[in-house]
N, C-alpha and C. Protein backbone atom coordinates (compact mmCIF):
# COMPACT_ATOMS: atom_id res chain seq x y z
N MET A 1 80.16 89.77 83.97
CA MET A 1 81.43 89.56 85.26
C MET A 1 82.74 89.63 84.44
N THR A 2 83.01 88.96 83.31
CA THR A 2 84.29 89.19 82.74
C THR A 2 84.68 90.66 82.25
N ASP A 3 83.62 91.53 81.76
CA ASP A 3 83.78 92.62 81.19
C ASP A 3 84.19 93.52 82.66
N LEU A 4 83.86 93.10 83.55
CA LEU A 4 84.20 94.07 85.00
C LEU A 4 85.81 93.62 85.52
N ILE A 5 85.91 92.33 85.10
CA ILE A 5 87.35 91.86 85.37
C ILE A 5 88.32 92.67 84.35
N GLU A 6 88.07 92.54 83.03
CA GLU A 6 88.72 93.34 82.21
C GLU A 6 88.74 94.67 82.44
N GLN A 7 88.05 95.32 82.64
CA GLN A 7 88.11 96.86 83.18
C GLN A 7 89.15 96.85 84.42
N ILE A 8 89.07 95.87 85.29
CA ILE A 8 89.93 96.20 86.43
C ILE A 8 91.54 95.60 86.15
N LYS A 9 91.32 94.74 85.15
CA LYS A 9 92.85 94.51 84.41
C LYS A 9 93.46 95.62 83.72
N ASN A 10 92.70 96.40 83.22
CA ASN A 10 93.02 97.59 82.51
C ASN A 10 93.40 98.76 83.35
N LYS A 11 92.62 98.58 84.48
CA LYS A 11 92.86 99.79 85.56
C LYS A 11 94.14 99.67 86.08
N PHE A 12 94.46 98.27 86.38
CA PHE A 12 95.71 97.97 87.33
C PHE A 12 97.09 97.60 86.52
N SER A 13 96.78 97.92 84.94
CA SER A 13 98.06 97.46 84.12
C SER A 13 99.36 98.33 84.26
N GLU A 14 100.41 97.73 83.62
CA GLU A 14 101.78 98.41 84.24
C GLU A 14 101.68 99.69 83.32
N SER A 15 100.96 99.83 82.42
CA SER A 15 100.59 101.06 81.74
C SER A 15 100.16 102.33 82.25
N ASN A 16 99.36 102.00 83.50
CA ASN A 16 98.58 102.78 84.14
C ASN A 16 99.88 102.95 85.67
N GLY A 17 100.76 102.56 85.84
CA GLY A 17 101.88 102.50 86.68
C GLY A 17 101.33 101.87 88.03
N PHE A 18 100.71 100.42 87.65
CA PHE A 18 100.70 99.43 88.59
C PHE A 18 101.36 98.44 88.28
N SER A 19 102.87 98.53 88.49
CA SER A 19 103.97 97.22 88.43
C SER A 19 103.68 96.68 89.64
N GLY A 20 104.04 95.35 89.15
CA GLY A 20 103.98 94.27 90.01
C GLY A 20 102.49 93.63 90.15
N PHE A 21 101.60 93.54 89.76
CA PHE A 21 100.32 93.25 89.89
C PHE A 21 100.22 91.54 88.77
N VAL A 22 99.69 90.86 89.38
CA VAL A 22 99.38 89.81 88.66
C VAL A 22 98.36 89.26 88.86
N PHE A 23 97.79 88.64 87.69
CA PHE A 23 96.42 88.47 87.69
C PHE A 23 96.45 86.91 87.50
N THR A 24 95.75 86.37 88.54
CA THR A 24 95.56 84.77 88.49
C THR A 24 94.10 84.36 88.69
N GLU A 25 94.03 83.14 89.10
CA GLU A 25 92.58 82.51 89.53
C GLU A 25 93.04 81.85 90.71
N ASN A 26 91.62 81.92 91.69
CA ASN A 26 91.78 81.25 92.96
C ASN A 26 90.16 80.44 93.01
N LEU A 27 90.24 78.99 92.47
CA LEU A 27 88.97 78.60 92.82
C LEU A 27 87.95 79.08 91.78
N ASN A 28 88.82 79.19 90.64
CA ASN A 28 87.86 79.92 89.58
C ASN A 28 87.33 81.40 89.61
N TYR A 29 88.06 81.54 90.41
CA TYR A 29 87.55 83.51 90.80
C TYR A 29 88.68 84.41 90.53
N PRO A 30 88.61 85.14 89.90
CA PRO A 30 90.03 86.20 89.96
C PRO A 30 90.50 86.63 90.86
N MET A 31 91.88 86.86 90.91
CA MET A 31 92.62 87.29 91.91
C MET A 31 93.48 88.06 91.72
N ILE A 32 93.99 89.00 92.52
CA ILE A 32 95.31 89.97 92.16
C ILE A 32 96.32 90.07 93.13
N GLU A 33 97.54 89.44 92.65
CA GLU A 33 98.59 89.54 93.56
C GLU A 33 99.28 90.58 93.44
N LEU A 34 99.35 91.36 94.40
CA LEU A 34 99.75 92.80 94.38
C LEU A 34 100.78 93.14 95.64
N PRO A 35 101.82 93.98 95.54
CA PRO A 35 102.53 94.52 96.44
C PRO A 35 101.86 95.37 97.57
N LYS A 36 102.25 94.76 98.70
CA LYS A 36 101.88 95.35 100.08
C LYS A 36 101.70 96.48 100.25
N ASP A 37 102.76 97.34 99.62
CA ASP A 37 102.44 98.94 99.81
C ASP A 37 101.44 99.50 98.71
N ARG A 38 100.91 98.80 97.98
CA ARG A 38 99.90 99.09 97.35
C ARG A 38 98.19 98.99 97.51
N LEU A 39 98.07 98.26 98.55
CA LEU A 39 97.04 97.44 99.31
C LEU A 39 95.79 98.55 99.64
N LEU A 40 96.16 99.26 99.93
CA LEU A 40 95.24 100.33 100.77
C LEU A 40 94.67 101.34 99.30
N GLU A 41 95.62 101.77 98.69
CA GLU A 41 95.14 102.52 97.42
C GLU A 41 94.37 101.46 96.38
N THR A 42 94.85 100.45 96.32
CA THR A 42 94.01 99.37 95.19
C THR A 42 92.55 99.07 95.91
N ALA A 43 92.54 98.87 97.03
CA ALA A 43 91.31 98.55 97.64
C ALA A 43 90.41 99.56 97.54
N GLY A 44 91.00 100.99 98.05
CA GLY A 44 90.06 102.05 97.73
C GLY A 44 89.44 102.42 96.18
N ILE A 45 90.26 101.97 95.44
CA ILE A 45 90.15 102.10 93.89
C ILE A 45 88.97 101.02 93.72
N LEU A 46 89.09 99.63 93.70
CA LEU A 46 88.16 98.46 93.75
C LEU A 46 86.65 99.11 94.46
N ARG A 47 86.79 99.63 95.79
CA ARG A 47 85.48 100.25 96.21
C ARG A 47 84.67 101.20 95.55
N ASP A 48 85.82 102.29 95.61
CA ASP A 48 85.07 103.57 94.57
C ASP A 48 84.34 103.26 93.48
N GLU A 49 85.74 102.91 92.37
CA GLU A 49 85.32 102.89 90.89
C GLU A 49 84.82 101.67 90.77
N PHE A 50 84.81 100.77 91.30
CA PHE A 50 84.43 99.16 90.58
C PHE A 50 83.15 98.36 91.58
N LYS A 51 83.01 99.25 92.36
CA LYS A 51 81.86 99.20 93.42
C LYS A 51 81.94 97.50 94.12
N MET A 52 82.94 97.56 94.53
CA MET A 52 83.40 95.94 95.45
C MET A 52 82.93 96.72 96.89
N GLU A 53 81.43 96.62 97.22
CA GLU A 53 81.38 97.13 98.39
C GLU A 53 81.63 96.28 99.72
N GLN A 54 81.82 95.17 99.56
CA GLN A 54 81.58 94.25 100.76
C GLN A 54 83.52 93.44 100.89
N LEU A 55 84.02 93.33 101.96
CA LEU A 55 85.00 92.94 102.19
C LEU A 55 84.59 91.19 103.43
N ARG A 56 84.56 90.24 102.54
CA ARG A 56 83.92 89.11 103.17
C ARG A 56 84.67 88.49 104.63
N ASP A 57 86.05 88.46 103.96
CA ASP A 57 86.88 87.68 104.86
C ASP A 57 88.20 88.07 104.37
N VAL A 58 89.34 87.92 105.58
CA VAL A 58 90.70 88.05 105.39
C VAL A 58 91.26 86.63 106.01
N ILE A 59 91.87 85.94 104.75
CA ILE A 59 92.83 84.68 105.29
C ILE A 59 94.21 84.99 105.25
N SER A 60 94.68 84.51 106.86
CA SER A 60 96.21 84.51 106.61
C SER A 60 97.03 82.93 106.73
N VAL A 61 97.54 82.94 106.01
CA VAL A 61 98.50 81.90 105.48
C VAL A 61 100.12 81.63 105.74
N ASP A 62 100.46 80.65 106.42
CA ASP A 62 101.92 80.39 106.55
C ASP A 62 102.16 79.55 105.46
N ARG A 63 103.43 80.10 104.84
CA ARG A 63 103.64 78.89 103.75
C ARG A 63 105.13 78.12 104.34
N PHE A 64 105.63 78.80 105.48
CA PHE A 64 106.56 78.02 106.32
C PHE A 64 108.02 78.22 105.15
N THR A 65 107.98 79.51 104.53
CA THR A 65 109.28 79.50 103.49
C THR A 65 110.56 80.58 104.28
N LYS A 66 111.60 80.50 103.67
CA LYS A 66 112.50 81.56 103.88
C LYS A 66 112.00 83.15 103.78
N ASN A 67 111.27 83.13 102.48
CA ASN A 67 111.43 84.50 102.22
C ASN A 67 109.72 84.57 101.78
N ASP A 68 109.24 85.87 102.20
CA ASP A 68 107.81 85.80 102.04
C ASP A 68 106.80 84.90 102.53
N ARG A 69 107.18 84.54 103.74
CA ARG A 69 106.50 83.28 104.51
C ARG A 69 104.91 83.31 104.71
N PHE A 70 104.69 84.89 104.77
CA PHE A 70 103.26 84.85 105.58
C PHE A 70 102.32 85.62 103.87
N GLU A 71 101.02 85.34 103.90
CA GLU A 71 99.92 85.96 102.85
C GLU A 71 98.94 86.11 103.71
N CYS A 72 98.18 87.40 102.73
CA CYS A 72 96.89 87.75 103.64
C CYS A 72 95.96 87.66 102.18
N ILE A 73 95.26 87.01 102.10
CA ILE A 73 94.62 86.92 100.99
C ILE A 73 93.05 87.56 101.42
N TYR A 74 92.20 88.64 100.82
CA TYR A 74 91.05 89.26 100.93
C TYR A 74 90.30 88.67 100.05
N ASN A 75 89.04 88.27 100.69
CA ASN A 75 87.90 88.07 99.81
C ASN A 75 87.01 89.08 99.71
N ILE A 76 87.03 89.66 98.76
CA ILE A 76 85.87 91.07 98.46
C ILE A 76 84.74 90.50 97.58
N TYR A 77 83.70 91.49 97.66
CA TYR A 77 82.35 90.97 96.86
C TYR A 77 81.69 92.28 96.25
N SER A 78 81.12 92.45 95.44
CA SER A 78 80.31 93.55 94.79
C SER A 78 78.94 92.70 94.53
N LEU A 79 77.81 93.56 95.37
CA LEU A 79 76.79 93.18 95.22
C LEU A 79 75.82 94.00 94.07
N THR A 80 76.36 94.93 93.77
CA THR A 80 75.78 95.75 92.40
C THR A 80 76.34 94.83 91.28
N ASN A 81 77.46 94.09 91.06
CA ASN A 81 77.74 93.27 89.79
C ASN A 81 78.11 92.00 90.12
N LYS A 82 77.39 91.45 91.44
CA LYS A 82 77.57 89.95 91.88
C LYS A 82 78.87 89.57 91.24
N THR A 83 79.92 89.89 91.81
CA THR A 83 81.37 89.72 91.23
C THR A 83 82.10 89.47 92.93
N ARG A 84 82.86 88.44 92.78
CA ARG A 84 83.84 87.95 93.68
C ARG A 84 85.48 88.32 93.32
N LEU A 85 86.07 88.54 94.37
CA LEU A 85 87.58 89.04 93.73
C LEU A 85 88.51 88.82 94.89
N PHE A 86 89.57 88.14 94.59
CA PHE A 86 90.51 88.08 95.88
C PHE A 86 91.67 88.88 95.79
N LEU A 87 92.34 89.24 96.62
CA LEU A 87 93.52 90.14 96.66
C LEU A 87 94.68 89.54 97.39
N LYS A 88 95.68 89.35 96.78
CA LYS A 88 96.87 88.62 97.68
C LYS A 88 97.89 89.07 97.84
N VAL A 89 98.47 89.53 99.20
CA VAL A 89 99.71 90.14 99.59
C VAL A 89 100.45 89.41 99.95
N ARG A 90 102.00 89.38 99.69
CA ARG A 90 102.83 88.51 100.52
C ARG A 90 103.42 89.11 101.62
N LEU A 91 104.08 88.75 102.59
CA LEU A 91 104.30 89.43 103.89
C LEU A 91 105.87 88.75 104.20
N ASP A 92 106.64 89.73 104.79
CA ASP A 92 107.63 89.35 105.26
C ASP A 92 108.12 88.26 106.26
N SER A 93 108.87 87.39 106.10
CA SER A 93 109.16 86.35 107.02
C SER A 93 109.34 86.96 108.59
N LYS A 94 110.22 87.87 108.87
CA LYS A 94 110.82 88.13 110.03
C LYS A 94 109.81 89.04 110.54
N ASN A 95 109.02 90.26 110.09
CA ASN A 95 108.30 91.10 110.25
C ASN A 95 106.76 91.22 109.50
N PRO A 96 105.82 90.44 109.57
CA PRO A 96 104.99 90.35 108.64
C PRO A 96 103.99 91.51 109.33
N GLU A 97 103.68 92.31 108.28
CA GLU A 97 103.17 93.53 108.42
C GLU A 97 102.36 94.19 107.34
N VAL A 98 101.14 94.48 107.08
CA VAL A 98 100.64 95.27 106.21
C VAL A 98 99.40 96.24 106.78
N GLU A 99 99.34 97.15 105.96
CA GLU A 99 98.34 98.51 106.06
C GLU A 99 96.90 97.32 106.67
N SER A 100 96.19 97.82 107.35
CA SER A 100 94.89 97.49 107.76
C SER A 100 93.81 98.21 107.09
N LEU A 101 92.77 97.32 106.18
CA LEU A 101 91.73 97.80 105.44
C LEU A 101 90.79 98.23 106.08
N PHE A 102 90.64 98.51 107.40
CA PHE A 102 89.62 99.08 108.09
C PHE A 102 89.47 100.39 107.66
N PRO A 103 90.00 101.43 107.27
CA PRO A 103 89.44 102.39 106.51
C PRO A 103 88.80 102.32 105.40
N ILE A 104 88.78 101.45 104.79
CA ILE A 104 88.19 100.91 103.43
C ILE A 104 87.00 100.25 103.79
N TRP A 105 87.04 99.14 104.47
CA TRP A 105 85.64 98.29 104.99
C TRP A 105 85.79 98.00 106.36
N GLN A 106 85.08 98.52 107.23
CA GLN A 106 84.88 98.30 108.43
C GLN A 106 84.81 96.75 108.79
N SER A 107 84.43 96.01 107.93
CA SER A 107 84.50 94.61 108.54
C SER A 107 85.71 93.70 108.33
N ALA A 108 86.76 94.50 108.43
CA ALA A 108 88.11 94.24 108.42
C ALA A 108 88.27 94.03 109.58
N ASN A 109 87.67 94.34 110.56
CA ASN A 109 88.16 94.63 112.02
C ASN A 109 88.40 93.61 112.76
N TRP A 110 87.27 92.58 112.80
CA TRP A 110 87.39 91.29 113.33
C TRP A 110 88.36 90.58 112.72
N ALA A 111 88.22 90.16 111.58
CA ALA A 111 89.06 89.46 110.74
C ALA A 111 90.48 89.80 110.67
N GLU A 112 90.98 90.84 110.82
CA GLU A 112 92.29 91.59 111.01
C GLU A 112 92.75 91.07 112.68
N ARG A 113 92.07 91.04 113.17
CA ARG A 113 92.25 90.85 114.92
C ARG A 113 92.88 89.26 114.80
N GLU A 114 91.90 88.69 113.96
CA GLU A 114 92.15 87.16 114.37
C GLU A 114 93.26 86.96 113.58
N ALA A 115 93.78 87.36 112.41
CA ALA A 115 95.07 87.30 111.82
C ALA A 115 96.10 87.48 112.79
N TYR A 116 95.74 88.52 113.45
CA TYR A 116 97.12 89.09 114.32
C TYR A 116 97.16 88.25 115.43
N ASP A 117 96.16 87.72 115.99
CA ASP A 117 96.17 86.72 117.23
C ASP A 117 96.91 85.39 116.74
N MET A 118 95.99 84.95 116.11
CA MET A 118 96.68 83.65 115.82
C MET A 118 97.71 83.19 114.63
N MET A 119 98.25 84.43 113.97
CA MET A 119 99.09 83.81 112.84
C MET A 119 100.27 85.11 113.58
N GLY A 120 99.90 86.35 113.96
CA GLY A 120 101.14 87.06 114.14
C GLY A 120 101.41 88.18 113.16
N ILE A 121 100.19 88.30 112.19
CA ILE A 121 100.73 89.30 111.25
C ILE A 121 99.99 90.67 111.80
N THR A 122 100.87 91.83 111.89
CA THR A 122 100.39 93.02 112.51
C THR A 122 99.88 93.94 111.12
N PHE A 123 98.62 94.27 111.75
CA PHE A 123 98.05 95.45 110.61
C PHE A 123 98.30 97.02 111.09
N LEU A 124 99.02 97.60 110.39
CA LEU A 124 99.21 98.74 110.74
C LEU A 124 98.14 99.76 110.67
N ASN A 125 98.30 100.70 111.67
CA ASN A 125 97.03 101.65 111.66
C ASN A 125 95.45 101.22 111.70
N HIS A 126 95.54 99.65 112.44
CA HIS A 126 94.33 99.09 112.86
C HIS A 126 93.82 99.55 114.23
N PRO A 127 92.46 99.96 114.45
CA PRO A 127 91.99 101.24 115.41
C PRO A 127 92.07 100.29 116.78
N ASP A 128 92.14 98.99 116.71
CA ASP A 128 91.80 98.34 117.81
C ASP A 128 92.66 97.05 117.76
N LEU A 129 94.00 96.97 117.31
CA LEU A 129 94.50 95.67 117.19
C LEU A 129 94.72 94.94 118.55
N ARG A 130 94.30 94.15 119.08
CA ARG A 130 94.50 93.26 120.14
C ARG A 130 94.09 91.85 119.73
N ARG A 131 94.19 91.01 121.15
CA ARG A 131 94.40 89.86 120.73
C ARG A 131 92.51 89.36 120.97
N MET A 132 91.93 88.03 120.02
CA MET A 132 90.63 87.87 120.54
C MET A 132 90.42 86.45 121.35
N TYR A 133 91.62 85.50 121.02
CA TYR A 133 91.32 84.38 121.95
C TYR A 133 92.42 84.00 122.78
N MET A 134 93.84 84.46 122.74
CA MET A 134 94.73 84.32 123.28
C MET A 134 94.92 85.24 124.48
N MET A 135 95.63 85.16 125.66
CA MET A 135 95.77 86.15 126.59
C MET A 135 96.53 86.96 125.87
N GLU A 136 96.82 88.51 126.12
CA GLU A 136 97.42 89.41 125.76
C GLU A 136 98.82 89.42 126.07
N GLU A 137 99.27 88.93 127.00
CA GLU A 137 100.72 88.36 127.27
C GLU A 137 101.05 87.12 126.77
N TYR A 138 100.25 86.42 126.10
CA TYR A 138 100.88 85.11 125.34
C TYR A 138 101.75 85.69 124.28
N GLU A 139 102.66 85.25 124.17
CA GLU A 139 103.60 85.63 123.30
C GLU A 139 103.85 84.51 121.89
N TYR A 140 103.12 83.75 121.53
CA TYR A 140 103.13 82.62 120.70
C TYR A 140 101.58 82.96 119.83
N HIS A 141 101.84 82.28 118.56
CA HIS A 141 100.75 82.31 117.75
C HIS A 141 100.63 80.90 117.17
N PRO A 142 99.37 80.36 117.72
CA PRO A 142 99.04 79.06 117.48
C PRO A 142 98.75 78.51 116.12
N LEU A 143 98.28 79.38 115.18
CA LEU A 143 98.29 78.89 113.81
C LEU A 143 99.81 79.04 113.15
N ARG A 144 100.68 79.60 113.58
CA ARG A 144 101.85 79.42 112.90
C ARG A 144 102.14 77.69 112.52
N LYS A 145 103.24 77.47 111.65
CA LYS A 145 103.37 76.15 111.39
C LYS A 145 104.45 75.73 112.10
N ASP A 146 105.43 76.53 112.86
CA ASP A 146 106.15 76.41 113.81
C ASP A 146 105.89 76.40 115.54
N TYR A 147 104.52 76.29 115.47
CA TYR A 147 104.15 76.45 116.64
C TYR A 147 103.95 74.85 116.93
N PRO A 148 104.28 74.46 117.92
CA PRO A 148 104.22 72.58 118.71
C PRO A 148 102.78 72.18 118.68
N LEU A 149 102.52 71.13 117.88
CA LEU A 149 101.46 70.29 117.49
C LEU A 149 100.68 70.17 119.07
N MET A 150 101.34 69.83 119.73
CA MET A 150 100.77 69.59 121.29
C MET A 150 100.95 70.63 122.26
N GLY A 151 101.21 71.64 121.63
CA GLY A 151 100.93 72.99 122.57
C GLY A 151 102.61 73.27 123.01
N LEU A 152 102.75 74.17 124.00
CA LEU A 152 103.80 74.42 124.69
C LEU A 152 103.89 73.91 126.08
N PRO A 153 104.75 73.22 126.42
CA PRO A 153 104.53 72.55 127.59
C PRO A 153 104.73 73.39 128.63
N GLY A 154 103.70 73.25 129.54
CA GLY A 154 103.59 74.03 130.90
C GLY A 154 103.04 75.46 130.76
N ALA A 155 102.70 75.58 129.06
CA ALA A 155 101.55 76.92 128.83
C ALA A 155 100.12 76.77 129.31
N VAL A 156 99.64 75.54 129.40
CA VAL A 156 98.34 75.68 129.64
C VAL A 156 98.30 74.51 130.33
N THR A 157 97.57 74.56 131.79
CA THR A 157 97.40 73.26 132.70
C THR A 157 96.24 72.36 132.16
N LEU A 158 96.59 71.06 131.81
CA LEU A 158 95.55 70.25 131.30
C LEU A 158 94.91 69.59 132.70
N PRO A 159 93.82 69.21 132.35
CA PRO A 159 92.91 69.00 133.38
C PRO A 159 93.58 67.15 133.69
N LYS A 160 93.78 66.82 134.93
CA LYS A 160 94.19 65.28 135.10
C LYS A 160 93.04 64.10 134.88
N LYS A 161 93.41 63.38 134.57
CA LYS A 161 92.46 61.87 133.98
C LYS A 161 91.91 61.56 135.17
């Protein structure tokens, strides 16, 4: 596993034109923090050159900070090499958007839709970006940290006791 990670680190090094890539760990698994505009290209290289065949999950995070408030963390896995890798991109506070990974891994479909619905992250060029849980006309995103804990007054009629 460490040989593969070293090959990935060498591929995405600054000397190969990949500036802004930071290699860290998440739960003892390797993680690459990268600029969001390099995500689609990086995912394609990881799938084609390093046999990372599966996107297992997309996690959206609200850090509730002024800049780069949102993050998307992608959990990818190689069945061939039995290796897990995380990709992390930081997103703008006012307009959180990133390219969809659906063209690389079709398993991104529902995970990106869920992040869109619950967190308000827009996945550009997603083939069917619509809400999964909330009504289409609902203008809020319930997993954001600025969403009221008890919900919005009058938004949903609660049953009487």
